[in-house]
């Protein structure tokens, strides 16, 4: 799980960004250096697979957001949070913005940085664990990924709380967790 925080200079028009989910990989990649160059500060925050399994995906997402904010090296005047959940244990003032990545340039920019960082991490996983296609499907439960789970078993990078992984693990004898080849 990766989140990002971006602070643009007050009054400056940020780059023409959009919701990362609607942009092509080429467009997102082209925007990354422009976002980083025009931002006063930016940072990434991560939550690992064990944290996601322990606390759930929403809480891990909020944790990654808090870590990104803590990594900025400056105190933001106001944190605009994408979604409808406030970030727990955050000392900065915050406001939630449902669908913020399509409404606020700084949130859209942060979503682009996070998506690009996640995609790079999944490409590295694809190299480490060949046969799963992480570099193509980014870990989403597409047929290729589900077939690889059944054939090869889960990797240490798979969330044990994810339904297809739980079902795959249940098919094996306890204590004999499958090892990817």
N, C-alpha and C. Protein backbone atom coordinates (compact mmCIF):
# COMPACT_ATOMS: atom_id res chain seq x y z
N UNK A 1 0.86 -1.15 0.00
CA UNK A 1 0.00 0.00 0.00
C UNK A 1 0.90 1.22 0.00
N UNK A 2 0.66 2.11 -0.93
CA UNK A 2 1.45 3.34 -0.99
C UNK A 2 0.50 4.52 -1.10
N UNK A 3 0.86 5.60 -0.41
CA UNK A 3 0.13 6.86 -0.49
C UNK A 3 1.17 7.96 -0.71
N UNK A 4 0.71 9.09 -1.17
CA UNK A 4 1.62 10.22 -1.39
C UNK A 4 0.98 11.48 -0.86
N UNK A 5 1.84 12.44 -0.56
CA UNK A 5 1.40 13.79 -0.17
C UNK A 5 2.15 14.78 -1.05
N UNK A 6 1.45 15.79 -1.50
CA UNK A 6 2.05 16.82 -2.37
C UNK A 6 1.61 18.19 -1.87
N UNK A 7 2.57 19.12 -1.80
CA UNK A 7 2.28 20.51 -1.44
C UNK A 7 2.74 21.38 -2.60
N UNK A 8 1.80 22.09 -3.21
CA UNK A 8 2.14 23.05 -4.26
C UNK A 8 2.24 24.44 -3.65
N UNK A 9 3.04 25.33 -4.26
CA UNK A 9 3.13 26.71 -3.75
C UNK A 9 1.76 27.39 -3.80
N UNK A 10 1.44 28.19 -2.80
CA UNK A 10 0.15 28.89 -2.81
C UNK A 10 0.03 29.79 -4.04
N UNK A 11 -1.12 29.74 -4.65
CA UNK A 11 -1.40 30.61 -5.80
C UNK A 11 -0.83 30.13 -7.12
N UNK A 12 0.04 29.15 -7.09
CA UNK A 12 0.61 28.66 -8.35
C UNK A 12 -0.33 27.63 -8.96
N UNK A 13 -0.48 27.69 -10.26
CA UNK A 13 -1.29 26.70 -10.94
C UNK A 13 -0.47 25.43 -11.07
N UNK A 14 -0.96 24.34 -10.47
CA UNK A 14 -0.22 23.08 -10.58
C UNK A 14 -0.31 22.51 -11.99
N UNK A 15 0.48 21.49 -12.28
CA UNK A 15 0.41 20.88 -13.60
C UNK A 15 -1.00 20.36 -13.89
N UNK A 16 -1.32 20.20 -15.15
CA UNK A 16 -2.64 19.71 -15.56
C UNK A 16 -2.71 18.22 -15.27
N UNK A 17 -3.11 17.91 -14.05
CA UNK A 17 -3.21 16.53 -13.62
C UNK A 17 -4.67 16.10 -13.64
N UNK A 18 -4.88 14.82 -13.47
CA UNK A 18 -6.23 14.28 -13.38
C UNK A 18 -6.20 13.05 -12.52
N UNK A 19 -7.33 12.46 -12.31
CA UNK A 19 -7.45 11.24 -11.53
C UNK A 19 -6.53 10.19 -12.13
N UNK A 20 -5.61 9.65 -11.33
CA UNK A 20 -4.62 8.69 -11.84
C UNK A 20 -5.26 7.48 -12.49
N UNK A 21 -6.47 7.13 -12.04
CA UNK A 21 -7.13 5.95 -12.61
C UNK A 21 -7.63 6.20 -14.02
N UNK A 22 -7.74 7.45 -14.43
CA UNK A 22 -8.24 7.76 -15.77
C UNK A 22 -7.12 8.10 -16.75
N UNK A 23 -5.90 8.17 -16.27
CA UNK A 23 -4.77 8.55 -17.13
C UNK A 23 -4.04 7.30 -17.62
N UNK A 24 -3.49 7.39 -18.81
CA UNK A 24 -2.68 6.28 -19.32
C UNK A 24 -1.37 6.22 -18.54
N UNK A 25 -0.74 5.07 -18.55
CA UNK A 25 0.55 4.92 -17.88
C UNK A 25 1.58 5.90 -18.45
N UNK A 26 1.53 6.13 -19.75
CA UNK A 26 2.46 7.07 -20.39
C UNK A 26 2.24 8.48 -19.85
N UNK A 27 0.98 8.89 -19.76
CA UNK A 27 0.67 10.25 -19.27
C UNK A 27 1.06 10.38 -17.80
N UNK A 28 0.75 9.37 -16.98
CA UNK A 28 1.13 9.43 -15.57
C UNK A 28 2.64 9.55 -15.43
N UNK A 29 3.37 8.72 -16.19
CA UNK A 29 4.82 8.76 -16.13
C UNK A 29 5.39 10.11 -16.52
N UNK A 30 4.78 10.74 -17.52
CA UNK A 30 5.24 12.07 -17.96
C UNK A 30 4.95 13.14 -16.92
N UNK A 31 3.89 12.96 -16.14
CA UNK A 31 3.52 13.95 -15.13
C UNK A 31 4.40 13.89 -13.87
N UNK A 32 4.97 12.73 -13.57
CA UNK A 32 5.73 12.57 -12.33
C UNK A 32 6.84 13.61 -12.18
N UNK A 33 7.75 13.77 -13.17
CA UNK A 33 8.82 14.77 -12.97
C UNK A 33 8.27 16.20 -12.89
N UNK A 34 7.20 16.48 -13.61
CA UNK A 34 6.61 17.82 -13.56
C UNK A 34 6.01 18.08 -12.18
N UNK A 35 5.32 17.11 -11.62
CA UNK A 35 4.75 17.27 -10.27
C UNK A 35 5.87 17.49 -9.27
N UNK A 36 6.89 16.66 -9.32
CA UNK A 36 8.00 16.78 -8.36
C UNK A 36 8.72 18.12 -8.49
N UNK A 37 8.89 18.60 -9.72
CA UNK A 37 9.59 19.86 -9.94
C UNK A 37 8.78 21.06 -9.45
N UNK A 38 7.47 21.01 -9.57
CA UNK A 38 6.63 22.16 -9.22
C UNK A 38 6.15 22.14 -7.78
N UNK A 39 6.30 21.03 -7.10
CA UNK A 39 5.85 20.93 -5.71
C UNK A 39 6.86 21.58 -4.76
N UNK A 40 6.34 22.20 -3.71
CA UNK A 40 7.21 22.67 -2.63
C UNK A 40 7.77 21.47 -1.87
N UNK A 41 6.93 20.45 -1.74
CA UNK A 41 7.34 19.23 -1.05
C UNK A 41 6.45 18.08 -1.54
N UNK A 42 7.01 16.90 -1.50
CA UNK A 42 6.24 15.68 -1.80
C UNK A 42 6.90 14.53 -1.07
N UNK A 43 6.11 13.52 -0.75
CA UNK A 43 6.65 12.35 -0.06
C UNK A 43 5.72 11.16 -0.29
N UNK A 44 6.31 9.98 -0.18
CA UNK A 44 5.56 8.73 -0.25
C UNK A 44 5.50 8.12 1.14
N UNK A 45 4.42 7.40 1.40
CA UNK A 45 4.29 6.64 2.63
C UNK A 45 3.80 5.24 2.29
N UNK A 46 4.33 4.25 2.97
CA UNK A 46 4.02 2.85 2.66
C UNK A 46 3.44 2.15 3.88
N UNK A 47 2.61 1.17 3.64
CA UNK A 47 2.18 0.19 4.65
C UNK A 47 2.46 -1.17 4.03
N UNK A 48 3.09 -2.04 4.79
CA UNK A 48 3.47 -3.34 4.22
C UNK A 48 2.35 -4.37 4.35
N UNK A 49 2.57 -5.52 3.73
CA UNK A 49 1.55 -6.56 3.65
C UNK A 49 1.13 -7.05 5.04
N UNK A 50 2.06 -7.13 5.97
CA UNK A 50 1.72 -7.57 7.33
C UNK A 50 0.81 -6.55 8.01
N UNK A 51 1.08 -5.27 7.81
CA UNK A 51 0.23 -4.23 8.39
C UNK A 51 -1.17 -4.27 7.79
N UNK A 52 -1.25 -4.47 6.48
CA UNK A 52 -2.56 -4.55 5.82
C UNK A 52 -3.34 -5.74 6.39
N UNK A 53 -2.69 -6.89 6.51
CA UNK A 53 -3.37 -8.07 7.05
C UNK A 53 -3.79 -7.86 8.50
N UNK A 54 -2.97 -7.18 9.28
CA UNK A 54 -3.26 -6.99 10.70
C UNK A 54 -4.38 -5.98 10.94
N UNK A 55 -4.37 -4.87 10.17
CA UNK A 55 -5.29 -3.79 10.52
C UNK A 55 -6.42 -3.59 9.52
N UNK A 56 -6.38 -4.09 8.34
CA UNK A 56 -7.32 -4.01 7.23
C UNK A 56 -6.85 -2.95 6.24
N UNK A 57 -7.36 -3.04 5.03
CA UNK A 57 -6.87 -2.20 3.93
C UNK A 57 -7.13 -0.71 4.17
N UNK A 58 -8.30 -0.36 4.73
CA UNK A 58 -8.60 1.05 4.99
C UNK A 58 -7.65 1.64 6.01
N UNK A 59 -7.47 0.96 7.13
CA UNK A 59 -6.58 1.48 8.17
C UNK A 59 -5.14 1.54 7.69
N UNK A 60 -4.72 0.57 6.89
CA UNK A 60 -3.36 0.60 6.33
C UNK A 60 -3.21 1.76 5.35
N UNK A 61 -4.25 2.05 4.61
CA UNK A 61 -4.22 3.19 3.69
C UNK A 61 -4.07 4.50 4.47
N UNK A 62 -4.81 4.64 5.55
CA UNK A 62 -4.71 5.84 6.38
C UNK A 62 -3.33 5.94 7.03
N UNK A 63 -2.76 4.81 7.42
CA UNK A 63 -1.41 4.78 7.97
C UNK A 63 -0.40 5.23 6.92
N UNK A 64 -0.52 4.73 5.70
CA UNK A 64 0.39 5.14 4.62
C UNK A 64 0.25 6.65 4.36
N UNK A 65 -0.97 7.17 4.40
CA UNK A 65 -1.18 8.61 4.21
C UNK A 65 -0.46 9.39 5.31
N UNK A 66 -0.61 8.95 6.56
CA UNK A 66 0.05 9.65 7.67
C UNK A 66 1.57 9.62 7.49
N UNK A 67 2.10 8.48 7.08
CA UNK A 67 3.54 8.38 6.86
C UNK A 67 4.00 9.30 5.74
N UNK A 68 3.20 9.42 4.68
CA UNK A 68 3.56 10.35 3.59
C UNK A 68 3.60 11.78 4.12
N UNK A 69 2.61 12.16 4.89
CA UNK A 69 2.58 13.52 5.45
C UNK A 69 3.76 13.77 6.37
N UNK A 70 4.09 12.78 7.19
CA UNK A 70 5.24 12.91 8.10
C UNK A 70 6.55 13.03 7.32
N UNK A 71 6.58 12.49 6.10
CA UNK A 71 7.78 12.55 5.29
C UNK A 71 7.97 13.85 4.52
N UNK A 72 7.01 14.74 4.59
CA UNK A 72 7.10 15.99 3.83
C UNK A 72 8.23 16.90 4.29
N UNK A 73 8.57 16.85 5.56
CA UNK A 73 9.60 17.74 6.07
C UNK A 73 9.10 19.15 6.32
N UNK A 74 7.82 19.34 6.29
CA UNK A 74 7.20 20.64 6.57
C UNK A 74 5.79 20.39 7.06
N UNK A 75 5.28 21.33 7.82
CA UNK A 75 3.92 21.18 8.35
C UNK A 75 2.93 21.82 7.41
N UNK A 76 2.02 21.04 6.85
CA UNK A 76 1.01 21.64 5.96
C UNK A 76 -0.01 22.45 6.77
N UNK A 77 -0.48 23.53 6.17
CA UNK A 77 -1.50 24.35 6.83
C UNK A 77 -2.82 23.60 6.95
N UNK A 78 -3.15 22.83 5.92
CA UNK A 78 -4.38 22.04 5.89
C UNK A 78 -4.13 20.80 5.04
N UNK A 79 -4.53 19.66 5.55
CA UNK A 79 -4.41 18.41 4.80
C UNK A 79 -5.76 18.11 4.17
N UNK A 80 -5.77 17.98 2.85
CA UNK A 80 -6.96 17.56 2.13
C UNK A 80 -6.83 16.07 1.89
N UNK A 81 -7.73 15.30 2.48
CA UNK A 81 -7.66 13.85 2.45
C UNK A 81 -8.61 13.32 1.40
N UNK A 82 -8.10 12.52 0.49
CA UNK A 82 -8.94 11.90 -0.54
C UNK A 82 -9.85 10.87 0.13
N UNK A 83 -11.14 11.05 0.00
CA UNK A 83 -12.10 10.10 0.58
C UNK A 83 -12.92 10.73 1.69
N UNK A 84 -13.54 9.87 2.48
CA UNK A 84 -14.42 10.38 3.53
C UNK A 84 -13.94 9.99 4.92
N UNK A 85 -12.70 9.53 5.03
CA UNK A 85 -12.13 9.12 6.33
C UNK A 85 -11.00 10.06 6.71
N UNK A 86 -11.07 10.58 7.92
CA UNK A 86 -9.97 11.40 8.45
C UNK A 86 -8.80 10.48 8.82
N UNK A 87 -7.61 11.03 8.80
CA UNK A 87 -6.41 10.27 9.16
C UNK A 87 -6.26 10.30 10.68
N UNK A 88 -6.32 9.14 11.33
CA UNK A 88 -6.18 9.11 12.79
C UNK A 88 -4.79 9.56 13.24
N UNK A 89 -4.74 10.10 14.44
CA UNK A 89 -3.48 10.48 15.09
C UNK A 89 -2.68 11.47 14.26
N UNK A 90 -3.36 12.34 13.56
CA UNK A 90 -2.69 13.35 12.74
C UNK A 90 -2.80 14.69 13.46
N UNK A 91 -1.68 15.36 13.63
CA UNK A 91 -1.69 16.62 14.37
C UNK A 91 -2.03 17.83 13.50
N UNK A 92 -2.10 17.64 12.19
CA UNK A 92 -2.41 18.74 11.28
C UNK A 92 -3.92 18.87 11.09
N UNK A 93 -4.40 20.10 10.83
CA UNK A 93 -5.82 20.22 10.47
C UNK A 93 -6.08 19.48 9.17
N UNK A 94 -7.24 18.85 9.08
CA UNK A 94 -7.54 18.07 7.88
C UNK A 94 -9.01 18.19 7.51
N UNK A 95 -9.25 18.00 6.22
CA UNK A 95 -10.61 17.99 5.68
C UNK A 95 -10.69 16.86 4.66
N UNK A 96 -11.76 16.09 4.74
CA UNK A 96 -11.94 15.01 3.77
C UNK A 96 -12.57 15.57 2.50
N UNK A 97 -12.19 14.98 1.37
CA UNK A 97 -12.71 15.39 0.06
C UNK A 97 -13.08 14.13 -0.71
N UNK A 98 -14.35 13.72 -0.63
CA UNK A 98 -14.75 12.55 -1.43
C UNK A 98 -14.45 12.77 -2.91
N UNK A 99 -13.94 11.73 -3.56
CA UNK A 99 -13.51 11.79 -4.96
C UNK A 99 -12.51 12.93 -5.18
N UNK A 100 -11.67 13.16 -4.19
CA UNK A 100 -10.71 14.26 -4.22
C UNK A 100 -9.74 14.19 -5.38
N UNK A 101 -9.39 12.98 -5.83
CA UNK A 101 -8.43 12.87 -6.92
C UNK A 101 -8.99 13.38 -8.23
N UNK A 102 -10.29 13.59 -8.31
CA UNK A 102 -10.88 14.19 -9.53
C UNK A 102 -11.31 15.64 -9.28
N UNK A 103 -11.07 16.15 -8.06
CA UNK A 103 -11.54 17.50 -7.72
C UNK A 103 -10.46 18.47 -7.26
N UNK A 104 -9.33 17.95 -6.76
CA UNK A 104 -8.29 18.80 -6.18
C UNK A 104 -6.95 18.42 -6.81
N UNK A 105 -6.26 19.40 -7.38
CA UNK A 105 -5.02 19.13 -8.10
C UNK A 105 -3.96 18.47 -7.22
N UNK A 106 -3.80 18.90 -5.99
CA UNK A 106 -2.77 18.31 -5.12
C UNK A 106 -3.09 16.85 -4.81
N UNK A 107 -4.38 16.53 -4.62
CA UNK A 107 -4.76 15.15 -4.38
C UNK A 107 -4.54 14.32 -5.64
N UNK A 108 -4.90 14.85 -6.79
CA UNK A 108 -4.67 14.15 -8.06
C UNK A 108 -3.18 13.90 -8.26
N UNK A 109 -2.36 14.92 -7.99
CA UNK A 109 -0.91 14.77 -8.13
C UNK A 109 -0.39 13.68 -7.19
N UNK A 110 -0.88 13.68 -5.96
CA UNK A 110 -0.45 12.66 -5.00
C UNK A 110 -0.87 11.28 -5.48
N UNK A 111 -2.06 11.16 -6.05
CA UNK A 111 -2.51 9.84 -6.52
C UNK A 111 -1.65 9.36 -7.68
N UNK A 112 -1.19 10.28 -8.51
CA UNK A 112 -0.30 9.91 -9.63
C UNK A 112 1.04 9.42 -9.10
N UNK A 113 1.63 10.15 -8.13
CA UNK A 113 2.91 9.72 -7.57
C UNK A 113 2.77 8.35 -6.90
N UNK A 114 1.68 8.16 -6.15
CA UNK A 114 1.47 6.88 -5.47
C UNK A 114 1.28 5.74 -6.46
N UNK A 115 0.48 5.97 -7.49
CA UNK A 115 0.22 4.91 -8.48
C UNK A 115 1.51 4.54 -9.21
N UNK A 116 2.30 5.53 -9.58
CA UNK A 116 3.56 5.24 -10.27
C UNK A 116 4.52 4.48 -9.37
N UNK A 117 4.60 4.87 -8.10
CA UNK A 117 5.49 4.17 -7.16
C UNK A 117 5.02 2.74 -6.95
N UNK A 118 3.72 2.55 -6.83
CA UNK A 118 3.16 1.21 -6.66
C UNK A 118 3.45 0.35 -7.90
N UNK A 119 3.23 0.91 -9.08
CA UNK A 119 3.50 0.16 -10.31
C UNK A 119 4.97 -0.24 -10.41
N UNK A 120 5.88 0.65 -10.02
CA UNK A 120 7.31 0.31 -10.04
C UNK A 120 7.62 -0.81 -9.05
N UNK A 121 7.00 -0.75 -7.87
CA UNK A 121 7.21 -1.79 -6.87
C UNK A 121 6.69 -3.13 -7.38
N UNK A 122 5.56 -3.11 -8.10
CA UNK A 122 5.00 -4.36 -8.61
C UNK A 122 5.83 -4.91 -9.76
N UNK A 123 6.45 -4.04 -10.54
CA UNK A 123 7.37 -4.52 -11.59
C UNK A 123 8.57 -5.22 -10.94
N UNK A 124 9.06 -4.67 -9.83
CA UNK A 124 10.16 -5.31 -9.11
C UNK A 124 9.71 -6.66 -8.55
N UNK A 125 8.47 -6.74 -8.07
CA UNK A 125 7.94 -8.03 -7.61
C UNK A 125 7.85 -9.02 -8.76
N UNK A 126 7.51 -8.53 -9.94
CA UNK A 126 7.45 -9.39 -11.12
C UNK A 126 8.80 -10.01 -11.43
N UNK A 127 9.87 -9.25 -11.23
CA UNK A 127 11.21 -9.79 -11.44
C UNK A 127 11.58 -10.79 -10.35
N UNK A 128 11.18 -10.48 -9.13
CA UNK A 128 11.52 -11.35 -8.00
C UNK A 128 10.72 -12.65 -8.02
N UNK A 129 9.46 -12.55 -8.46
CA UNK A 129 8.57 -13.71 -8.50
C UNK A 129 8.02 -13.88 -9.91
N UNK A 130 8.82 -14.44 -10.82
CA UNK A 130 8.34 -14.62 -12.19
C UNK A 130 7.18 -15.61 -12.24
N UNK A 131 6.33 -15.41 -13.21
CA UNK A 131 5.21 -16.31 -13.39
C UNK A 131 3.88 -15.76 -12.89
N UNK A 132 3.93 -14.71 -12.09
CA UNK A 132 2.70 -14.14 -11.55
C UNK A 132 2.15 -12.99 -12.40
N UNK A 133 3.01 -12.36 -13.18
CA UNK A 133 2.57 -11.26 -14.05
C UNK A 133 2.34 -9.95 -13.33
N UNK A 134 2.98 -9.75 -12.16
CA UNK A 134 2.78 -8.51 -11.42
C UNK A 134 3.03 -7.26 -12.27
N UNK A 135 4.01 -7.37 -13.16
CA UNK A 135 4.37 -6.21 -14.00
C UNK A 135 3.28 -5.88 -15.00
N UNK A 136 2.37 -6.80 -15.24
CA UNK A 136 1.27 -6.56 -16.19
C UNK A 136 -0.04 -6.18 -15.50
N UNK A 137 -0.34 -6.81 -14.38
CA UNK A 137 -1.66 -6.58 -13.77
C UNK A 137 -1.60 -5.81 -12.45
N UNK A 138 -0.40 -5.43 -12.04
CA UNK A 138 -0.22 -4.63 -10.82
C UNK A 138 -0.83 -5.25 -9.58
N UNK A 139 -0.92 -6.56 -9.54
CA UNK A 139 -1.42 -7.23 -8.35
C UNK A 139 -2.93 -7.34 -8.25
N UNK A 140 -3.64 -6.84 -9.24
CA UNK A 140 -5.10 -6.92 -9.20
C UNK A 140 -5.56 -8.34 -9.49
N UNK A 141 -6.73 -8.73 -9.00
CA UNK A 141 -7.19 -10.12 -9.13
C UNK A 141 -7.77 -10.44 -10.51
N UNK A 142 -6.97 -10.25 -11.52
CA UNK A 142 -7.38 -10.59 -12.89
C UNK A 142 -7.19 -12.10 -13.09
N UNK A 143 -7.81 -12.69 -14.12
CA UNK A 143 -7.68 -14.15 -14.31
C UNK A 143 -6.23 -14.65 -14.33
N UNK A 144 -5.32 -13.92 -14.96
CA UNK A 144 -3.91 -14.35 -15.01
C UNK A 144 -3.34 -14.48 -13.60
N UNK A 145 -3.62 -13.51 -12.75
CA UNK A 145 -3.09 -13.52 -11.39
C UNK A 145 -3.72 -14.65 -10.57
N UNK A 146 -5.02 -14.82 -10.69
CA UNK A 146 -5.70 -15.88 -9.95
C UNK A 146 -5.21 -17.26 -10.37
N UNK A 147 -4.96 -17.44 -11.67
CA UNK A 147 -4.43 -18.71 -12.17
C UNK A 147 -3.03 -18.96 -11.62
N UNK A 148 -2.20 -17.92 -11.55
CA UNK A 148 -0.85 -18.07 -11.01
C UNK A 148 -0.90 -18.42 -9.53
N UNK A 149 -1.82 -17.82 -8.79
CA UNK A 149 -1.98 -18.15 -7.38
C UNK A 149 -2.29 -19.64 -7.21
N UNK A 150 -3.22 -20.13 -8.02
CA UNK A 150 -3.58 -21.55 -7.93
C UNK A 150 -2.42 -22.46 -8.32
N UNK A 151 -1.69 -22.09 -9.36
CA UNK A 151 -0.62 -22.94 -9.86
C UNK A 151 0.65 -22.85 -9.00
N UNK A 152 0.99 -21.66 -8.54
CA UNK A 152 2.27 -21.44 -7.86
C UNK A 152 2.15 -21.21 -6.36
N UNK A 153 0.94 -20.90 -5.90
CA UNK A 153 0.75 -20.55 -4.50
C UNK A 153 1.11 -19.09 -4.26
N UNK A 154 0.76 -18.58 -3.10
CA UNK A 154 1.05 -17.17 -2.81
C UNK A 154 2.53 -16.93 -2.51
N UNK A 155 2.97 -15.73 -2.77
CA UNK A 155 4.32 -15.29 -2.42
C UNK A 155 4.25 -14.60 -1.06
N UNK A 156 5.38 -14.28 -0.45
CA UNK A 156 5.35 -13.51 0.79
C UNK A 156 4.74 -12.11 0.60
N UNK A 157 4.68 -11.65 -0.63
CA UNK A 157 4.11 -10.32 -0.91
C UNK A 157 2.59 -10.34 -0.98
N UNK A 158 1.97 -11.50 -1.00
CA UNK A 158 0.51 -11.58 -1.07
C UNK A 158 -0.11 -11.39 0.31
N UNK A 159 -1.19 -10.63 0.35
CA UNK A 159 -1.93 -10.43 1.60
C UNK A 159 -2.67 -11.71 1.96
N UNK A 160 -2.43 -12.21 3.14
CA UNK A 160 -3.10 -13.42 3.60
C UNK A 160 -4.59 -13.17 3.85
N UNK A 161 -4.99 -11.93 4.04
CA UNK A 161 -6.39 -11.59 4.27
C UNK A 161 -7.18 -11.47 2.97
N UNK A 162 -6.53 -11.53 1.82
CA UNK A 162 -7.18 -11.41 0.52
C UNK A 162 -7.85 -12.75 0.19
N UNK A 163 -9.12 -12.74 -0.12
CA UNK A 163 -9.92 -13.94 -0.32
C UNK A 163 -9.28 -15.01 -1.19
N UNK A 164 -8.83 -14.70 -2.41
CA UNK A 164 -8.21 -15.75 -3.24
C UNK A 164 -6.96 -16.35 -2.61
N UNK A 165 -6.21 -15.56 -1.86
CA UNK A 165 -5.02 -16.10 -1.19
C UNK A 165 -5.44 -17.01 -0.05
N UNK A 166 -6.44 -16.59 0.73
CA UNK A 166 -6.95 -17.45 1.82
C UNK A 166 -7.43 -18.79 1.27
N UNK A 167 -8.17 -18.74 0.16
CA UNK A 167 -8.67 -20.00 -0.43
C UNK A 167 -7.52 -20.87 -0.92
N UNK A 168 -6.52 -20.27 -1.51
CA UNK A 168 -5.35 -21.01 -1.99
C UNK A 168 -4.62 -21.66 -0.81
N UNK A 169 -4.44 -20.91 0.26
CA UNK A 169 -3.74 -21.46 1.43
C UNK A 169 -4.55 -22.57 2.08
N UNK A 170 -5.87 -22.47 2.06
CA UNK A 170 -6.73 -23.50 2.67
C UNK A 170 -6.61 -24.82 1.93
N UNK A 171 -6.20 -24.78 0.66
CA UNK A 171 -6.07 -26.00 -0.13
C UNK A 171 -4.81 -26.78 0.22
N UNK A 172 -3.91 -26.16 0.99
CA UNK A 172 -2.67 -26.81 1.36
C UNK A 172 -2.74 -27.30 2.80
N UNK A 173 -1.97 -28.31 3.13
CA UNK A 173 -1.91 -28.85 4.47
C UNK A 173 -1.35 -27.77 5.41
N UNK A 174 -1.95 -27.57 6.58
CA UNK A 174 -1.41 -26.58 7.52
C UNK A 174 0.07 -26.82 7.77
N UNK A 175 0.82 -25.74 7.81
CA UNK A 175 2.26 -25.82 8.01
C UNK A 175 3.03 -26.07 6.72
N UNK A 176 2.34 -26.29 5.62
CA UNK A 176 3.00 -26.53 4.34
C UNK A 176 2.63 -25.44 3.36
N UNK A 177 2.91 -24.21 3.72
CA UNK A 177 2.59 -23.09 2.84
C UNK A 177 3.36 -23.27 1.54
N UNK A 178 2.68 -23.08 0.41
CA UNK A 178 3.35 -23.26 -0.89
C UNK A 178 4.48 -22.26 -1.07
N UNK A 179 5.48 -22.67 -1.77
CA UNK A 179 6.62 -21.80 -2.10
C UNK A 179 6.64 -21.60 -3.60
N UNK A 180 6.69 -20.33 -4.04
CA UNK A 180 6.77 -20.10 -5.48
C UNK A 180 8.08 -20.60 -6.04
N UNK A 181 8.02 -21.08 -7.27
CA UNK A 181 9.24 -21.59 -7.91
C UNK A 181 10.06 -20.46 -8.46
